[in-house]
Amino acid sequence: MQNKFGELNKEQKERLDIIATNTNLLQQKITDLLKQSAEKISSDKESQHRLKETEQEKLVLEKLEDLLNNEIKQDKKTIYELQDTVTKLNQNQKEGRQEELFLDKLVKDEEGENLLLAKKNLIVIAIAAIVVSAGFVAYSTYVVSVVGSQYKIINIGNMQSGYVIQNLRGDTIDTWLSWRLVDGSTLNVNLIDGQKYPDKIDIVKSVILSEESIEIDDSLLHKGPKGTASTYYIGWAGALADVAKNPTEFYIPSKFNLIESQRGEGDITIKLTSQSSGDGYSGFTKSIADDAQNQILKSEITIYEVDKLSKAQFETILRHEFGHALGLAHSTATEDLMYPTIATEYPYISECDVDAIILLYNGGEKSEVICEI
């Protein structure tokens, strides 16, 4: 501008500076106004948004107020109902108390009558109990007596038994013996000439293999008062099975295998013959022993005059001799199966025979194993 119009004077320069300054101020003002206008527009939008939110909050608050009013109304209704219920309960309690007092009076009136009646009933019950107890004792004694009596053997006679122990040299020895078997072993029992006496085979099986036990009143064998009983066994398998439950030094044989052969094999042989014994024995047992070990190696039983023996006599003498074959000696009790002259009316395997077996197989070192009652 200075080149086009010439050099400006001082005043003109000052005015030009003022114009430039004002121009800059105007531009700044315009910029500020535009900025304020933009901020105002933004603020208006935010205000509108806040207004909408305020209106929504107002609606929510109005709904909450309605719900609260409804709850208040419901609570008031519940309070009124509870008050009514309490009033009724108080009334019922008063009525119940009156009924209780009335019932107490009735109970007290009846207690006097019931006390007298109870005393009478106690007397009647006591008398009835005494009668029933007496009847039960009488019945029990009767039953035990009957149970024991039904096993009684009548007219068994006096049967003689003998036994002997020989060593491998054939010498007769006087010692205690038992079988020395591996646990669980079975003794083979050979019935010789059984086919000649077919009616005796089942008896032999019963005497050896039966596991039946019976109860006999002690008074019948003069062992104790009437009403007490002892256990007896029909067969040796049953007696030894119970014995084997006790731990012993040597295995107690309780398993037997019955065979029939004429050749004499078997651990125990049973020979039936119609011949008589020169010594008057009904039965005789010979055991072959290893006397160094006190061990039975073989036992031989002979039953004489089989054709003349009754069923009861045959099973009694065989039951006795089989006890010898297991190692038992004679008993000192006259009423016991193992007594040398068998005369008992109850010739069954007794508890003392069982105890003698336990003692023998538990290493009882005696020349004889005596079963005492």
Protein backbone atom coordinates (compact mmCIF):
# COMPACT_ATOMS: atom_id res chain seq x y z
CA MET A 1 0.00 0.00 0.00
CA GLN A 2 2.86 2.33 0.74
CA ASN A 3 4.33 1.72 -2.74
CA LYS A 4 0.98 2.21 -4.44
CA PHE A 5 -0.13 5.39 -2.65
CA GLY A 6 3.17 6.69 -1.51
CA GLU A 7 4.54 6.75 1.98
CA LEU A 8 1.94 6.94 4.76
CA ASN A 9 2.20 9.58 7.34
CA LYS A 10 2.17 8.90 11.02
CA GLU A 11 -1.53 9.51 11.48
CA GLN A 12 -2.39 7.24 8.61
CA LYS A 13 -0.20 4.50 10.06
CA GLU A 14 -1.89 4.84 13.41
CA ARG A 15 -5.33 4.60 11.81
CA LEU A 16 -4.26 1.61 9.78
CA ASP A 17 -3.03 -0.09 12.94
CA ILE A 18 -6.32 0.69 14.65
CA ILE A 19 -8.27 -0.77 11.73
CA ALA A 20 -6.12 -3.91 11.77
CA THR A 21 -6.55 -4.24 15.50
CA ASN A 22 -10.31 -3.74 15.28
CA THR A 23 -10.47 -6.22 12.44
CA ASN A 24 -8.69 -8.81 14.57
CA LEU A 25 -10.97 -8.05 17.50
CA LEU A 26 -14.00 -8.40 15.27
CA GLN A 27 -12.81 -11.72 13.96
CA GLN A 28 -12.16 -12.90 17.52
CA LYS A 29 -15.62 -11.73 18.55
CA ILE A 30 -17.23 -13.54 15.64
CA THR A 31 -15.31 -16.70 16.57
CA ASP A 32 -16.44 -16.43 20.22
CA LEU A 33 -20.04 -15.88 19.16
CA LEU A 34 -19.96 -18.90 16.90
CA LYS A 35 -18.49 -20.98 19.70
CA GLN A 36 -21.10 -19.77 22.20
CA SER A 37 -23.83 -20.46 19.69
CA ALA A 38 -22.57 -24.04 19.23
CA GLU A 39 -22.35 -24.55 22.99
CA LYS A 40 -25.85 -23.20 23.43
CA ILE A 41 -27.20 -25.55 20.81
CA SER A 42 -25.46 -28.48 22.54
CA SER A 43 -26.77 -27.32 25.90
CA ASP A 44 -30.28 -27.11 24.54
CA LYS A 45 -30.09 -30.72 23.32
CA GLU A 46 -28.84 -31.90 26.70
CA SER A 47 -31.60 -29.94 28.41
CA GLN A 48 -34.18 -31.55 26.19
CA HIS A 49 -32.74 -35.00 27.02
CA ARG A 50 -32.80 -34.20 30.73
CA LEU A 51 -36.35 -33.01 30.41
CA LYS A 52 -37.40 -36.31 28.90
CA GLU A 53 -35.64 -38.22 31.67
CA THR A 54 -37.34 -36.02 34.26
CA GLU A 55 -40.73 -36.75 32.74
CA GLN A 56 -40.00 -40.51 32.79
CA GLU A 57 -38.85 -40.33 36.41
CA LYS A 58 -42.04 -38.49 37.24
CA LEU A 59 -44.11 -41.30 35.70
CA VAL A 60 -42.14 -43.93 37.66
CA LEU A 61 -42.60 -42.00 40.91
CA GLU A 62 -46.33 -41.71 40.27
CA LYS A 63 -46.54 -45.48 39.77
CA LEU A 64 -44.51 -46.11 42.93
CA GLU A 65 -46.83 -43.78 44.83
CA ASP A 66 -49.83 -45.76 43.61
CA LEU A 67 -48.21 -49.04 44.66
CA LEU A 68 -47.31 -47.63 48.06
CA ASN A 69 -50.86 -46.43 48.61
CA ASN A 70 -52.16 -49.89 47.70
CA GLU A 71 -49.70 -51.53 50.14
CA ILE A 72 -50.81 -49.16 52.90
CA LYS A 73 -54.43 -50.04 52.25
CA GLN A 74 -53.61 -53.78 52.32
CA ASP A 75 -51.61 -53.44 55.55
CA LYS A 76 -54.49 -51.61 57.19
CA LYS A 77 -56.83 -54.41 56.13
CA THR A 78 -54.44 -57.04 57.52
CA ILE A 79 -54.15 -55.15 60.81
CA TYR A 80 -57.94 -55.05 61.13
CA GLU A 81 -58.13 -58.80 60.43
CA LEU A 82 -55.41 -59.58 63.00
CA GLN A 83 -57.17 -57.49 65.60
CA ASP A 84 -60.35 -59.41 64.92
CA THR A 85 -58.49 -62.76 65.19
CA VAL A 86 -56.88 -61.77 68.50
CA THR A 87 -60.28 -60.84 69.85
CA LYS A 88 -61.69 -64.24 68.85
CA LEU A 89 -58.66 -66.07 70.33
CA ASN A 90 -59.09 -64.29 73.63
CA GLN A 91 -62.71 -65.33 73.64
CA ASN A 92 -61.82 -68.96 72.82
CA GLN A 93 -59.14 -68.97 75.52
CA LYS A 94 -61.68 -67.91 78.10
CA GLU A 95 -64.07 -70.62 76.95
CA GLY A 96 -61.23 -73.21 76.92
CA ARG A 97 -60.22 -72.28 80.45
CA GLN A 98 -63.78 -72.79 81.61
CA GLU A 99 -63.87 -76.21 79.91
CA GLU A 100 -60.51 -77.12 81.48
CA LEU A 101 -61.80 -76.27 84.95
CA PHE A 102 -64.88 -78.36 84.27
CA LEU A 103 -62.83 -81.34 83.04
CA ASP A 104 -60.48 -81.10 86.04
CA LYS A 105 -63.46 -81.42 88.28
CA LEU A 106 -64.67 -84.47 86.37
CA VAL A 107 -61.20 -86.08 86.52
CA LYS A 108 -60.91 -85.53 90.25
CA ASP A 109 -64.34 -87.05 90.74
CA GLU A 110 -63.38 -90.13 88.70
CA GLU A 111 -59.92 -90.55 90.27
CA GLY A 112 -61.41 -91.69 93.53
CA GLU A 113 -63.54 -94.30 91.79
CA ASN A 114 -60.66 -95.45 89.52
CA LEU A 115 -58.25 -95.80 92.45
CA LEU A 116 -60.53 -98.28 94.14
CA LEU A 117 -61.10 -100.12 90.86
CA ALA A 118 -57.34 -100.21 90.14
CA LYS A 119 -56.65 -101.81 93.50
CA LYS A 120 -59.20 -104.50 92.75
CA ASN A 121 -57.68 -105.07 89.29
CA LEU A 122 -54.15 -105.36 90.72
CA ILE A 123 -55.30 -108.03 93.11
CA VAL A 124 -56.96 -109.94 90.25
CA ILE A 125 -53.85 -109.59 88.02
CA ALA A 126 -51.53 -110.75 90.79
CA ILE A 127 -53.66 -113.82 91.40
CA ALA A 128 -53.80 -114.54 87.65
CA ALA A 129 -50.01 -114.14 87.34
CA ILE A 130 -49.44 -116.61 90.15
CA VAL A 131 -51.79 -119.10 88.52
CA VAL A 132 -50.18 -118.66 85.07
CA SER A 133 -46.64 -118.95 86.47
CA ALA A 134 -47.53 -122.10 88.33
CA GLY A 135 -49.13 -123.50 85.19
CA PHE A 136 -46.10 -122.54 83.07
CA VAL A 137 -43.67 -124.18 85.48
CA ALA A 138 -45.80 -127.29 85.56
CA TYR A 139 -46.10 -127.29 81.77
CA SER A 140 -42.35 -126.70 81.28
CA THR A 141 -41.47 -129.51 83.65
CA TYR A 142 -43.94 -131.77 81.87
CA VAL A 143 -42.59 -130.90 78.41
CA VAL A 144 -38.93 -131.41 79.39
CA SER A 145 -39.83 -134.70 81.01
CA VAL A 146 -41.69 -135.84 77.90
CA VAL A 147 -38.89 -134.71 75.56
CA GLY A 148 -36.33 -136.64 77.57
CA SER A 149 -38.51 -139.67 78.08
CA GLN A 150 -39.19 -140.26 74.42
CA TYR A 151 -35.55 -141.20 73.86
CA LYS A 152 -35.58 -143.82 76.59
CA ILE A 153 -34.48 -147.32 75.51
CA ILE A 154 -36.34 -150.06 77.40
CA ASN A 155 -34.91 -153.53 78.01
CA ILE A 156 -31.54 -152.79 76.46
CA GLY A 157 -29.95 -155.44 78.67
CA ASN A 158 -26.37 -155.46 79.88
CA MET A 159 -23.94 -155.44 76.98
CA GLN A 160 -20.24 -155.92 77.62
CA SER A 161 -17.55 -154.08 75.68
CA GLY A 162 -13.83 -154.57 75.45
CA TYR A 163 -10.97 -152.80 73.73
CA VAL A 164 -7.25 -153.26 73.33
CA ILE A 165 -4.36 -151.21 71.96
CA GLN A 166 -1.48 -152.92 70.19
CA ASN A 167 1.73 -151.52 68.76
CA LEU A 168 3.13 -152.48 65.37
CA ARG A 169 4.92 -155.48 66.94
CA GLY A 170 1.61 -156.84 68.23
CA ASP A 171 2.34 -156.04 71.86
CA THR A 172 -0.55 -154.87 74.01
CA ILE A 173 0.15 -151.41 75.38
CA ASP A 174 -1.59 -149.20 77.89
CA THR A 175 -1.42 -145.60 76.70
CA TRP A 176 -3.47 -142.70 75.40
CA LEU A 177 -4.04 -142.44 71.66
CA SER A 178 -5.51 -140.11 69.08
CA TRP A 179 -5.62 -139.83 65.33
CA ARG A 180 -2.99 -137.49 63.86
CA LEU A 181 -4.54 -136.17 60.68
CA VAL A 182 -4.07 -133.17 58.45
CA ASP A 183 -6.76 -130.55 59.04
CA GLY A 184 -9.85 -131.30 56.97
CA SER A 185 -8.95 -134.97 56.42
CA THR A 186 -11.64 -137.63 56.04
CA LEU A 187 -11.57 -141.00 57.83
CA ASN A 188 -12.61 -143.92 55.64
CA VAL A 189 -14.90 -146.36 57.47
CA ASN A 190 -15.25 -149.81 55.89
CA LEU A 191 -18.34 -151.91 56.71
CA ILE A 192 -17.38 -155.58 56.26
CA ASP A 193 -20.11 -158.16 55.57
CA GLY A 194 -22.75 -155.47 55.61
CA GLN A 195 -24.57 -157.18 52.75
CA LYS A 196 -25.35 -160.10 55.07
CA TYR A 197 -27.29 -157.78 57.36
CA PRO A 198 -28.99 -155.21 55.08
CA ASP A 199 -31.27 -154.04 57.90
CA LYS A 200 -28.19 -152.87 59.83
CA ILE A 201 -26.67 -150.66 57.11
CA ASP A 202 -28.89 -147.63 57.77
CA ILE A 203 -28.24 -148.00 61.51
CA VAL A 204 -24.48 -147.90 60.88
CA LYS A 205 -24.90 -144.74 58.80
CA SER A 206 -26.99 -143.09 61.52
CA VAL A 207 -24.54 -143.93 64.33
CA ILE A 208 -21.60 -142.52 62.36
CA LEU A 209 -23.01 -139.79 60.12
CA SER A 210 -26.05 -138.38 61.96
CA GLU A 211 -25.74 -134.75 63.06
CA GLU A 212 -28.91 -134.82 65.17
CA SER A 213 -28.70 -133.57 68.75
CA ILE A 214 -31.31 -134.06 71.49
CA GLU A 215 -32.07 -132.62 74.93
CA ILE A 216 -32.63 -134.93 77.91
CA ASP A 217 -33.69 -133.90 81.40
CA ASP A 218 -30.78 -134.29 83.82
CA SER A 219 -32.98 -135.93 86.43
CA LEU A 220 -33.54 -138.91 84.11
CA LEU A 221 -29.83 -139.76 84.32
CA HIS A 222 -29.39 -138.63 87.94
CA LYS A 223 -27.23 -135.71 86.83
CA GLY A 224 -29.26 -132.82 88.20
CA PRO A 225 -32.67 -131.52 89.26
CA LYS A 226 -35.75 -131.87 87.11
CA GLY A 227 -36.11 -128.99 84.67
CA THR A 228 -32.41 -128.82 83.75
CA ALA A 229 -31.30 -130.55 80.56
CA SER A 230 -28.12 -131.64 78.77
CA THR A 231 -27.32 -132.10 75.09
CA TYR A 232 -26.74 -135.55 73.61
CA TYR A 233 -25.91 -136.70 70.08
CA ILE A 234 -27.31 -139.52 67.95
CA GLY A 235 -24.25 -139.77 65.68
CA TRP A 236 -20.53 -139.13 66.05
CA ALA A 237 -20.38 -136.76 63.07
CA GLY A 238 -22.70 -134.32 64.84
CA ALA A 239 -20.85 -134.58 68.16
CA LEU A 240 -17.43 -134.16 66.56
CA ALA A 241 -18.58 -131.27 64.35
CA ASP A 242 -19.43 -129.32 67.51
CA VAL A 243 -16.17 -130.43 69.16
CA ALA A 244 -14.11 -129.38 66.13
CA LYS A 245 -15.19 -125.77 66.70
CA ASN A 246 -12.78 -125.68 69.66
CA PRO A 247 -9.09 -125.14 68.82
CA THR A 248 -7.07 -128.22 69.79
CA GLU A 249 -3.47 -129.33 69.38
CA PHE A 250 -4.45 -132.16 67.03
CA TYR A 251 -7.15 -132.13 64.36
CA ILE A 252 -10.36 -133.79 65.55
CA PRO A 253 -11.79 -135.97 62.75
CA SER A 254 -15.38 -135.03 61.97
CA LYS A 255 -15.66 -136.18 58.34
CA PHE A 256 -16.29 -139.84 57.54
CA ASN A 257 -16.60 -141.74 54.27
CA LEU A 258 -18.54 -145.01 54.59
CA ILE A 259 -17.52 -147.80 52.19
CA GLU A 260 -18.24 -151.55 51.91
CA SER A 261 -15.41 -153.92 51.05
CA GLN A 262 -14.25 -157.40 52.00
CA ARG A 263 -10.55 -156.60 51.73
CA GLY A 264 -10.25 -154.75 55.02
CA GLU A 265 -9.10 -151.39 53.70
CA GLY A 266 -10.09 -148.19 55.48
CA ASP A 267 -8.91 -146.32 58.57
CA ILE A 268 -11.66 -147.87 60.67
CA THR A 269 -13.22 -151.25 59.86
CA ILE A 270 -16.53 -152.53 61.22
CA LYS A 271 -17.01 -156.29 61.02
CA LEU A 272 -20.49 -157.71 61.61
CA THR A 273 -20.69 -161.35 62.64
CA SER A 274 -23.25 -163.78 64.00
CA GLN A 275 -20.56 -165.51 66.03
CA SER A 276 -20.32 -164.97 69.77
CA SER A 277 -17.31 -163.66 71.64
CA GLY A 278 -15.47 -166.12 73.83
CA ASP A 279 -15.20 -163.39 76.47
CA GLY A 280 -18.89 -162.49 76.37
CA TYR A 281 -18.44 -159.20 74.57
CA SER A 282 -21.17 -157.70 72.41
CA GLY A 283 -18.55 -155.48 70.83
CA PHE A 284 -14.77 -155.26 70.78
CA THR A 285 -12.32 -152.70 69.37
CA LYS A 286 -8.63 -153.16 68.59
CA SER A 287 -6.52 -150.13 67.72
CA ILE A 288 -3.11 -150.41 66.06
CA ALA A 289 -0.84 -147.64 67.28
CA ASP A 290 2.49 -145.99 66.76
CA ASP A 291 3.31 -145.98 70.46
CA ALA A 292 6.24 -143.61 69.95
CA GLN A 293 3.85 -140.93 68.69
CA ASN A 294 0.73 -142.04 70.61
CA GLN A 295 -0.92 -142.15 67.22
CA ILE A 296 -3.76 -144.38 66.05
CA LEU A 297 -2.91 -146.00 62.72
CA LYS A 298 -5.98 -148.21 62.33
CA SER A 299 -8.99 -149.30 64.39
CA GLU A 300 -10.92 -152.57 63.96
CA ILE A 301 -14.43 -152.89 65.42
CA THR A 302 -16.21 -156.24 65.73
CA ILE A 303 -19.90 -156.53 66.63
CA TYR A 304 -20.87 -160.05 67.77
CA GLU A 305 -24.16 -161.94 67.47
CA VAL A 306 -25.54 -159.30 65.16
CA ASP A 307 -28.52 -161.47 64.24
CA LYS A 308 -29.62 -161.56 67.90
CA LEU A 309 -29.30 -157.84 68.63
CA SER A 310 -32.32 -155.54 68.49
CA LYS A 311 -32.08 -152.29 66.59
CA ALA A 312 -31.54 -150.34 69.83
CA GLN A 313 -28.91 -152.80 71.09
CA PHE A 314 -27.02 -152.79 67.79
CA GLU A 315 -26.83 -149.01 67.49
CA THR A 316 -25.88 -148.69 71.17
CA ILE A 317 -22.94 -151.12 71.06
CA LEU A 318 -21.73 -149.70 67.72
CA ARG A 319 -21.94 -146.14 69.06
CA HIS A 320 -19.87 -147.25 72.09
CA GLU A 321 -17.21 -149.07 70.03
CA PHE A 322 -16.83 -146.16 67.61
CA GLY A 323 -15.88 -144.03 70.63
CA HIS A 324 -13.00 -146.47 71.27
CA ALA A 325 -11.99 -146.25 67.60
CA LEU A 326 -11.61 -142.48 68.04
CA GLY A 327 -9.39 -142.97 71.11
CA LEU A 328 -11.80 -142.87 74.07
CA ALA A 329 -11.34 -145.29 76.96
CA HIS A 330 -14.13 -146.48 79.25
CA SER A 331 -16.06 -144.11 81.50
CA THR A 332 -16.38 -144.40 85.25
CA ALA A 333 -20.00 -143.14 85.13
CA THR A 334 -22.55 -145.96 85.04
CA GLU A 335 -25.11 -143.81 83.19
CA ASP A 336 -22.68 -142.94 80.39
CA LEU A 337 -22.49 -144.51 76.93
CA MET A 338 -18.79 -145.33 77.39
CA TYR A 339 -19.23 -147.34 80.60
CA PRO A 340 -17.79 -150.88 80.05
CA THR A 341 -21.12 -152.56 80.83
CA ILE A 342 -23.73 -150.64 78.90
CA ALA A 343 -26.95 -150.60 80.90
CA THR A 344 -28.08 -146.98 80.59
CA GLU A 345 -31.55 -146.31 79.22
CA TYR A 346 -30.19 -143.24 77.40
CA PRO A 347 -27.20 -144.61 75.43
CA TYR A 348 -26.26 -141.49 73.48
CA ILE A 349 -23.05 -139.49 73.06
CA SER A 350 -22.92 -137.22 76.11
CA GLU A 351 -21.32 -133.87 76.80
CA CYS A 352 -18.72 -135.58 78.99
CA ASP A 353 -17.78 -137.83 76.03
CA VAL A 354 -17.34 -134.68 73.97
CA ASP A 355 -15.20 -133.10 76.70
CA ALA A 356 -13.05 -136.25 76.81
CA ILE A 357 -12.45 -135.99 73.04
CA ILE A 358 -11.38 -132.35 73.42
CA LEU A 359 -8.96 -133.27 76.22
CA LEU A 360 -7.54 -136.20 74.27
CA TYR A 361 -6.93 -134.24 71.05
CA ASN A 362 -5.54 -131.30 72.96
CA GLY A 363 -2.58 -133.38 74.12
CA GLY A 364 -4.03 -134.73 77.37
CA GLU A 365 -1.37 -137.27 78.36
CA LYS A 366 -3.23 -139.91 80.31
CA SER A 367 -3.14 -143.70 80.12
CA GLU A 368 -6.92 -143.59 80.00
CA VAL A 369 -9.33 -140.88 78.98
CA ILE A 370 -12.11 -141.14 81.52
CA CYS A 371 -15.47 -139.51 81.02
CA GLU A 372 -16.99 -138.67 84.38
CA ILE A 373 -20.47 -137.32 85.04
